[in-house]
Amino acid sequence: MTLQTIRFRIRPDGRVEEQVKGLKGASCQKLTAALEARLGAVVSSAPTEDHYAAVGRQRQLQTASLGQFS
């Protein structure tokens, strides 16, 4: 099992940066939604490679399934 971490950086001006590692796909957004609601408005968001890794795997599975019926 991959280690799952959430790292917070609190800037001097009060901004909070959050980085999630070890979660695939949109599961990181589900995990952090409650935290973000309490911290304030999300100014920006950028998916990491972990987010796209799950999406790519899903597409590979769909392609393989479709290929069997061709």
PDB file of N, CA and C in Angstrom:
ATOM      1  N   MET A   1       0.841  -1.181   0.000  1.00  0.00           N
ATOM      2  CA  MET A   1       0.000   0.000   0.000  1.00  0.00           C
ATOM      3  C   MET A   1       0.886   1.245   0.000  1.00  0.00           C
ATOM      4  N   THR A   2       0.531   2.212  -0.812  1.00  0.00           N
ATOM      5  CA  THR A   2       1.280   3.452  -0.924  1.00  0.00           C
ATOM      6  C   THR A   2       0.980   4.368   0.261  1.00  0.00           C
ATOM      7  N   LEU A   3       2.011   5.040   0.741  1.00  0.00           N
ATOM      8  CA  LEU A   3       1.837   6.004   1.823  1.00  0.00           C
ATOM      9  C   LEU A   3       1.034   7.192   1.311  1.00  0.00           C
ATOM     10  N   GLN A   4       0.002   7.567   2.035  1.00  0.00           N
ATOM     11  CA  GLN A   4      -0.842   8.699   1.668  1.00  0.00           C
ATOM     12  C   GLN A   4      -0.563   9.837   2.631  1.00  0.00           C
ATOM     13  N   THR A   5      -0.241  11.009   2.080  1.00  0.00           N
ATOM     14  CA  THR A   5       0.085  12.152   2.927  1.00  0.00           C
ATOM     15  C   THR A   5      -0.608  13.415   2.424  1.00  0.00           C
ATOM     16  N   ILE A   6      -0.889  14.302   3.367  1.00  0.00           N
ATOM     17  CA  ILE A   6      -1.351  15.653   3.049  1.00  0.00           C
ATOM     18  C   ILE A   6      -0.351  16.594   3.696  1.00  0.00           C
ATOM     19  N   ARG A   7       0.216  17.468   2.904  1.00  0.00           N
ATOM     20  CA  ARG A   7       1.205  18.426   3.414  1.00  0.00           C
ATOM     21  C   ARG A   7       0.615  19.833   3.303  1.00  0.00           C
ATOM     22  N   PHE A   8       0.703  20.588   4.399  1.00  0.00           N
ATOM     23  CA  PHE A   8       0.213  21.962   4.420  1.00  0.00           C
ATOM     24  C   PHE A   8       1.391  22.911   4.579  1.00  0.00           C
ATOM     25  N   ARG A   9       1.336  24.010   3.854  1.00  0.00           N
ATOM     26  CA  ARG A   9       2.319  25.085   4.011  1.00  0.00           C
ATOM     27  C   ARG A   9       1.516  26.356   4.290  1.00  0.00           C
ATOM     28  N   ILE A  10       1.780  26.976   5.428  1.00  0.00           N
ATOM     29  CA  ILE A  10       1.080  28.205   5.799  1.00  0.00           C
ATOM     30  C   ILE A  10       2.026  29.369   5.537  1.00  0.00           C
ATOM     31  N   ARG A  11       1.635  30.220   4.623  1.00  0.00           N
ATOM     32  CA  ARG A  11       2.448  31.369   4.216  1.00  0.00           C
ATOM     33  C   ARG A  11       2.290  32.522   5.213  1.00  0.00           C
ATOM     34  N   PRO A  12       3.278  33.423   5.271  1.00  0.00           N
ATOM     35  CA  PRO A  12       3.195  34.568   6.184  1.00  0.00           C
ATOM     36  C   PRO A  12       1.956  35.441   5.959  1.00  0.00           C
ATOM     37  N   ASP A  13       1.460  35.478   4.719  1.00  0.00           N
ATOM     38  CA  ASP A  13       0.279  36.299   4.436  1.00  0.00           C
ATOM     39  C   ASP A  13      -1.035  35.575   4.746  1.00  0.00           C
ATOM     40  N   GLY A  14      -0.956  34.347   5.297  1.00  0.00           N
ATOM     41  CA  GLY A  14      -2.146  33.606   5.697  1.00  0.00           C
ATOM     42  C   GLY A  14      -2.635  32.580   4.691  1.00  0.00           C
ATOM     43  N   ARG A  15      -2.079  32.597   3.488  1.00  0.00           N
ATOM     44  CA  ARG A  15      -2.477  31.587   2.505  1.00  0.00           C
ATOM     45  C   ARG A  15      -2.024  30.206   2.960  1.00  0.00           C
ATOM     46  N   VAL A  16      -2.833  29.211   2.678  1.00  0.00           N
ATOM     47  CA  VAL A  16      -2.509  27.830   3.021  1.00  0.00           C
ATOM     48  C   VAL A  16      -2.396  27.035   1.727  1.00  0.00           C
ATOM     49  N   GLU A  17      -1.262  26.386   1.533  1.00  0.00           N
ATOM     50  CA  GLU A  17      -1.065  25.518   0.376  1.00  0.00           C
ATOM     51  C   GLU A  17      -1.158  24.076   0.852  1.00  0.00           C
ATOM     52  N   GLU A  18      -1.817  23.276   0.062  1.00  0.00           N
ATOM     53  CA  GLU A  18      -2.059  21.879   0.428  1.00  0.00           C
ATOM     54  C   GLU A  18      -1.565  21.003  -0.717  1.00  0.00           C
ATOM     55  N   GLN A  19      -0.853  19.952  -0.381  1.00  0.00           N
ATOM     56  CA  GLN A  19      -0.364  19.015  -1.392  1.00  0.00           C
ATOM     57  C   GLN A  19      -0.679  17.596  -0.923  1.00  0.00           C
ATOM     58  N   VAL A  20      -1.331  16.833  -1.793  1.00  0.00           N
ATOM     59  CA  VAL A  20      -1.725  15.461  -1.473  1.00  0.00           C
ATOM     60  C   VAL A  20      -0.863  14.505  -2.289  1.00  0.00           C
ATOM     61  N   LYS A  21      -0.328  13.497  -1.652  1.00  0.00           N
ATOM     62  CA  LYS A  21       0.495  12.482  -2.325  1.00  0.00           C
ATOM     63  C   LYS A  21      -0.038  11.094  -1.995  1.00  0.00           C
ATOM     64  N   GLY A  22       0.051  10.205  -2.972  1.00  0.00           N
ATOM     65  CA  GLY A  22      -0.273   8.803  -2.732  1.00  0.00           C
ATOM     66  C   GLY A  22      -1.713   8.405  -2.996  1.00  0.00           C
ATOM     67  N   LEU A  23      -2.531   9.339  -3.460  1.00  0.00           N
ATOM     68  CA  LEU A  23      -3.923   9.025  -3.799  1.00  0.00           C
ATOM     69  C   LEU A  23      -4.098   9.155  -5.303  1.00  0.00           C
ATOM     70  N   LYS A  24      -4.819   8.244  -5.900  1.00  0.00           N
ATOM     71  CA  LYS A  24      -5.014   8.245  -7.342  1.00  0.00           C
ATOM     72  C   LYS A  24      -6.359   8.853  -7.712  1.00  0.00           C
ATOM     73  N   GLY A  25      -6.396   9.499  -8.852  1.00  0.00           N
ATOM     74  CA  GLY A  25      -7.641  10.046  -9.379  1.00  0.00           C
ATOM     75  C   GLY A  25      -8.218  11.147  -8.509  1.00  0.00           C
ATOM     76  N   ALA A  26      -9.529  11.250  -8.525  1.00  0.00           N
ATOM     77  CA  ALA A  26     -10.231  12.315  -7.807  1.00  0.00           C
ATOM     78  C   ALA A  26     -10.381  12.026  -6.313  1.00  0.00           C
ATOM     79  N   SER A  27      -9.863  10.917  -5.832  1.00  0.00           N
ATOM     80  CA  SER A  27     -10.016  10.586  -4.408  1.00  0.00           C
ATOM     81  C   SER A  27      -9.354  11.624  -3.508  1.00  0.00           C
ATOM     82  N   CYS A  28      -8.321  12.316  -3.991  1.00  0.00           N
ATOM     83  CA  CYS A  28      -7.693  13.357  -3.170  1.00  0.00           C
ATOM     84  C   CYS A  28      -8.655  14.525  -2.972  1.00  0.00           C
ATOM     85  N   GLN A  29      -9.452  14.840  -3.988  1.00  0.00           N
ATOM     86  CA  GLN A  29     -10.429  15.921  -3.850  1.00  0.00           C
ATOM     87  C   GLN A  29     -11.510  15.556  -2.843  1.00  0.00           C
ATOM     88  N   LYS A  30     -11.917  14.310  -2.829  1.00  0.00           N
ATOM     89  CA  LYS A  30     -12.913  13.863  -1.850  1.00  0.00           C
ATOM     90  C   LYS A  30     -12.346  13.951  -0.437  1.00  0.00           C
ATOM     91  N   LEU A  31     -11.084  13.574  -0.297  1.00  0.00           N
ATOM     92  CA  LEU A  31     -10.435  13.586   1.012  1.00  0.00           C
ATOM     93  C   LEU A  31     -10.297  14.998   1.572  1.00  0.00           C
ATOM     94  N   THR A  32      -9.958  15.947   0.728  1.00  0.00           N
ATOM     95  CA  THR A  32      -9.651  17.295   1.201  1.00  0.00           C
ATOM     96  C   THR A  32     -10.833  18.261   1.170  1.00  0.00           C
ATOM     97  N   ALA A  33     -11.965  17.859   0.648  1.00  0.00           N
ATOM     98  CA  ALA A  33     -13.113  18.767   0.511  1.00  0.00           C
ATOM     99  C   ALA A  33     -13.533  19.383   1.847  1.00  0.00           C
ATOM    100  N   ALA A  34     -13.642  18.594   2.886  1.00  0.00           N
ATOM    101  CA  ALA A  34     -14.065  19.108   4.194  1.00  0.00           C
ATOM    102  C   ALA A  34     -13.025  20.069   4.771  1.00  0.00           C
ATOM    103  N   LEU A  35     -11.750  19.742   4.596  1.00  0.00           N
ATOM    104  CA  LEU A  35     -10.687  20.632   5.082  1.00  0.00           C
ATOM    105  C   LEU A  35     -10.735  21.971   4.361  1.00  0.00           C
ATOM    106  N   GLU A  36     -10.879  21.924   3.048  1.00  0.00           N
ATOM    107  CA  GLU A  36     -10.903  23.151   2.257  1.00  0.00           C
ATOM    108  C   GLU A  36     -12.112  24.012   2.609  1.00  0.00           C
ATOM    109  N   ALA A  37     -13.236  23.393   2.902  1.00  0.00           N
ATOM    110  CA  ALA A  37     -14.430  24.147   3.286  1.00  0.00           C
ATOM    111  C   ALA A  37     -14.189  24.924   4.579  1.00  0.00           C
ATOM    112  N   ARG A  38     -13.404  24.366   5.477  1.00  0.00           N
ATOM    113  CA  ARG A  38     -13.122  25.035   6.752  1.00  0.00           C
ATOM    114  C   ARG A  38     -12.000  26.064   6.636  1.00  0.00           C
ATOM    115  N   LEU A  39     -11.075  25.850   5.706  1.00  0.00           N
ATOM    116  CA  LEU A  39      -9.945  26.764   5.557  1.00  0.00           C
ATOM    117  C   LEU A  39     -10.323  28.036   4.806  1.00  0.00           C
ATOM    118  N   GLY A  40     -11.305  27.966   3.932  1.00  0.00           N
ATOM    119  CA  GLY A  40     -11.708  29.143   3.162  1.00  0.00           C
ATOM    120  C   GLY A  40     -11.798  28.826   1.682  1.00  0.00           C
ATOM    121  N   ALA A  41     -11.864  29.864   0.878  1.00  0.00           N
ATOM    122  CA  ALA A  41     -12.033  29.706  -0.569  1.00  0.00           C
ATOM    123  C   ALA A  41     -10.770  29.142  -1.210  1.00  0.00           C
ATOM    124  N   VAL A  42     -10.966  28.226  -2.141  1.00  0.00           N
ATOM    125  CA  VAL A  42      -9.848  27.685  -2.914  1.00  0.00           C
ATOM    126  C   VAL A  42      -9.552  28.674  -4.032  1.00  0.00           C
ATOM    127  N   VAL A  43      -8.329  29.200  -4.057  1.00  0.00           N
ATOM    128  CA  VAL A  43      -7.940  30.188  -5.052  1.00  0.00           C
ATOM    129  C   VAL A  43      -7.484  29.507  -6.334  1.00  0.00           C
ATOM    130  N   SER A  44      -6.747  28.411  -6.202  1.00  0.00           N
ATOM    131  CA  SER A  44      -6.298  27.674  -7.382  1.00  0.00           C
ATOM    132  C   SER A  44      -6.107  26.210  -7.018  1.00  0.00           C
ATOM    133  N   SER A  45      -6.144  25.383  -8.051  1.00  0.00           N
ATOM    134  CA  SER A  45      -5.976  23.950  -7.858  1.00  0.00           C
ATOM    135  C   SER A  45      -5.271  23.390  -9.082  1.00  0.00           C
ATOM    136  N   ALA A  46      -4.309  22.510  -8.873  1.00  0.00           N
ATOM    137  CA  ALA A  46      -3.576  21.900  -9.980  1.00  0.00           C
ATOM    138  C   ALA A  46      -3.419  20.412  -9.711  1.00  0.00           C
ATOM    139  N   PRO A  47      -4.027  19.567 -10.541  1.00  0.00           N
ATOM    140  CA  PRO A  47      -3.885  18.119 -10.357  1.00  0.00           C
ATOM    141  C   PRO A  47      -2.425  17.677 -10.499  1.00  0.00           C
ATOM    142  N   THR A  48      -2.039  16.686  -9.717  1.00  0.00           N
ATOM    143  CA  THR A  48      -0.686  16.144  -9.790  1.00  0.00           C
ATOM    144  C   THR A  48      -0.659  14.924 -10.702  1.00  0.00           C
ATOM    145  N   GLU A  49       0.502  14.348 -10.874  1.00  0.00           N
ATOM    146  CA  GLU A  49       0.625  13.152 -11.721  1.00  0.00           C
ATOM    147  C   GLU A  49      -0.184  11.979 -11.169  1.00  0.00           C
ATOM    148  N   ASP A  50      -0.383  11.918  -9.849  1.00  0.00           N
ATOM    149  CA  ASP A  50      -1.201  10.852  -9.257  1.00  0.00           C
ATOM    150  C   ASP A  50      -2.646  10.922  -9.751  1.00  0.00           C
ATOM    151  N   HIS A  51      -3.146  12.130  -9.936  1.00  0.00           N
ATOM    152  CA  HIS A  51      -4.512  12.298 -10.433  1.00  0.00           C
ATOM    153  C   HIS A  51      -4.644  11.684 -11.827  1.00  0.00           C
ATOM    154  N   TYR A  52      -3.692  11.975 -12.691  1.00  0.00           N
ATOM    155  CA  TYR A  52      -3.752  11.482 -14.064  1.00  0.00           C
ATOM    156  C   TYR A  52      -3.389  10.007 -14.180  1.00  0.00           C
ATOM    157  N   ALA A  53      -2.647   9.473 -13.238  1.00  0.00           N
ATOM    158  CA  ALA A  53      -2.270   8.054 -13.281  1.00  0.00           C
ATOM    159  C   ALA A  53      -3.507   7.170 -13.243  1.00  0.00           C
ATOM    160  N   ALA A  54      -4.454   7.499 -12.412  1.00  0.00           N
ATOM    161  CA  ALA A  54      -5.677   6.700 -12.311  1.00  0.00           C
ATOM    162  C   ALA A  54      -6.534   6.861 -13.554  1.00  0.00           C
ATOM    163  N   VAL A  55      -6.585   8.075 -14.100  1.00  0.00           N
ATOM    164  CA  VAL A  55      -7.364   8.327 -15.308  1.00  0.00           C
ATOM    165  C   VAL A  55      -6.793   7.525 -16.461  1.00  0.00           C
ATOM    166  N   GLY A  56      -5.472   7.510 -16.595  1.00  0.00           N
ATOM    167  CA  GLY A  56      -4.831   6.736 -17.657  1.00  0.00           C
ATOM    168  C   GLY A  56      -5.097   5.254 -17.517  1.00  0.00           C
ATOM    169  N   ARG A  57      -5.063   4.738 -16.319  1.00  0.00           N
ATOM    170  CA  ARG A  57      -5.329   3.323 -16.061  1.00  0.00           C
ATOM    171  C   ARG A  57      -6.770   2.990 -16.422  1.00  0.00           C
ATOM    172  N   GLN A  58      -7.698   3.881 -16.097  1.00  0.00           N
ATOM    173  CA  GLN A  58      -9.101   3.663 -16.419  1.00  0.00           C
ATOM    174  C   GLN A  58      -9.287   3.595 -17.933  1.00  0.00           C
ATOM    175  N   ARG A  59      -8.637   4.487 -18.664  1.00  0.00           N
ATOM    176  CA  ARG A  59      -8.740   4.485 -20.123  1.00  0.00           C
ATOM    177  C   ARG A  59      -8.159   3.209 -20.704  1.00  0.00           C
ATOM    178  N   GLN A  60      -7.052   2.724 -20.152  1.00  0.00           N
ATOM    179  CA  GLN A  60      -6.450   1.483 -20.636  1.00  0.00           C
ATOM    180  C   GLN A  60      -7.421   0.324 -20.457  1.00  0.00           C
ATOM    181  N   LEU A  61      -8.086   0.268 -19.315  1.00  0.00           N
ATOM    182  CA  LEU A  61      -9.042  -0.807 -19.063  1.00  0.00           C
ATOM    183  C   LEU A  61     -10.229  -0.723 -20.017  1.00  0.00           C
ATOM    184  N   GLN A  62     -10.725   0.482 -20.267  1.00  0.00           N
ATOM    185  CA  GLN A  62     -11.842   0.650 -21.186  1.00  0.00           C
ATOM    186  C   GLN A  62     -11.441   0.245 -22.597  1.00  0.00           C
ATOM    187  N   THR A  63     -10.263   0.637 -23.025  1.00  0.00           N
ATOM    188  CA  THR A  63      -9.782   0.292 -24.353  1.00  0.00           C
ATOM    189  C   THR A  63      -9.636  -1.214 -24.489  1.00  0.00           C
ATOM    190  N   ALA A  64      -9.084  -1.853 -23.476  1.00  0.00           N
ATOM    191  CA  ALA A  64      -8.911  -3.302 -23.511  1.00  0.00           C
ATOM    192  C   ALA A  64     -10.265  -4.000 -23.588  1.00  0.00           C
ATOM    193  N   SER A  65     -11.233  -3.522 -22.852  1.00  0.00           N
ATOM    194  CA  SER A  65     -12.562  -4.129 -22.873  1.00  0.00           C
ATOM    195  C   SER A  65     -13.216  -3.958 -24.233  1.00  0.00           C
ATOM    196  N   LEU A  66     -13.089  -2.784 -24.825  1.00  0.00           N
ATOM    197  CA  LEU A  66     -13.680  -2.541 -26.134  1.00  0.00           C
ATOM    198  C   LEU A  66     -12.982  -3.363 -27.202  1.00  0.00           C
ATOM    199  N   GLY A  67     -11.676  -3.533 -27.070  1.00  0.00           N
ATOM    200  CA  GLY A  67     -10.904  -4.286 -28.048  1.00  0.00           C
ATOM    201  C   GLY A  67     -11.308  -5.751 -28.123  1.00  0.00           C
ATOM    202  N   GLN A  68     -11.808  -6.314 -27.056  1.00  0.00           N
ATOM    203  CA  GLN A  68     -12.209  -7.719 -27.035  1.00  0.00           C
ATOM    204  C   GLN A  68     -13.427  -7.974 -27.908  1.00  0.00           C
ATOM    205  N   PHE A  69     -14.246  -6.944 -28.121  1.00  0.00           N
ATOM    206  CA  PHE A  69     -15.474  -7.117 -28.889  1.00  0.00           C
ATOM    207  C   PHE A  69     -15.289  -6.787 -30.362  1.00  0.00           C
ATOM    208  N   SER A  70     -14.128  -6.311 -30.752  1.00  0.00           N
ATOM    209  CA  SER A  70     -13.894  -5.914 -32.147  1.00  0.00           C
ATOM    210  C   SER A  70     -13.718  -7.113 -33.034  1.00  0.00           C
TER     211      SER A  70
END
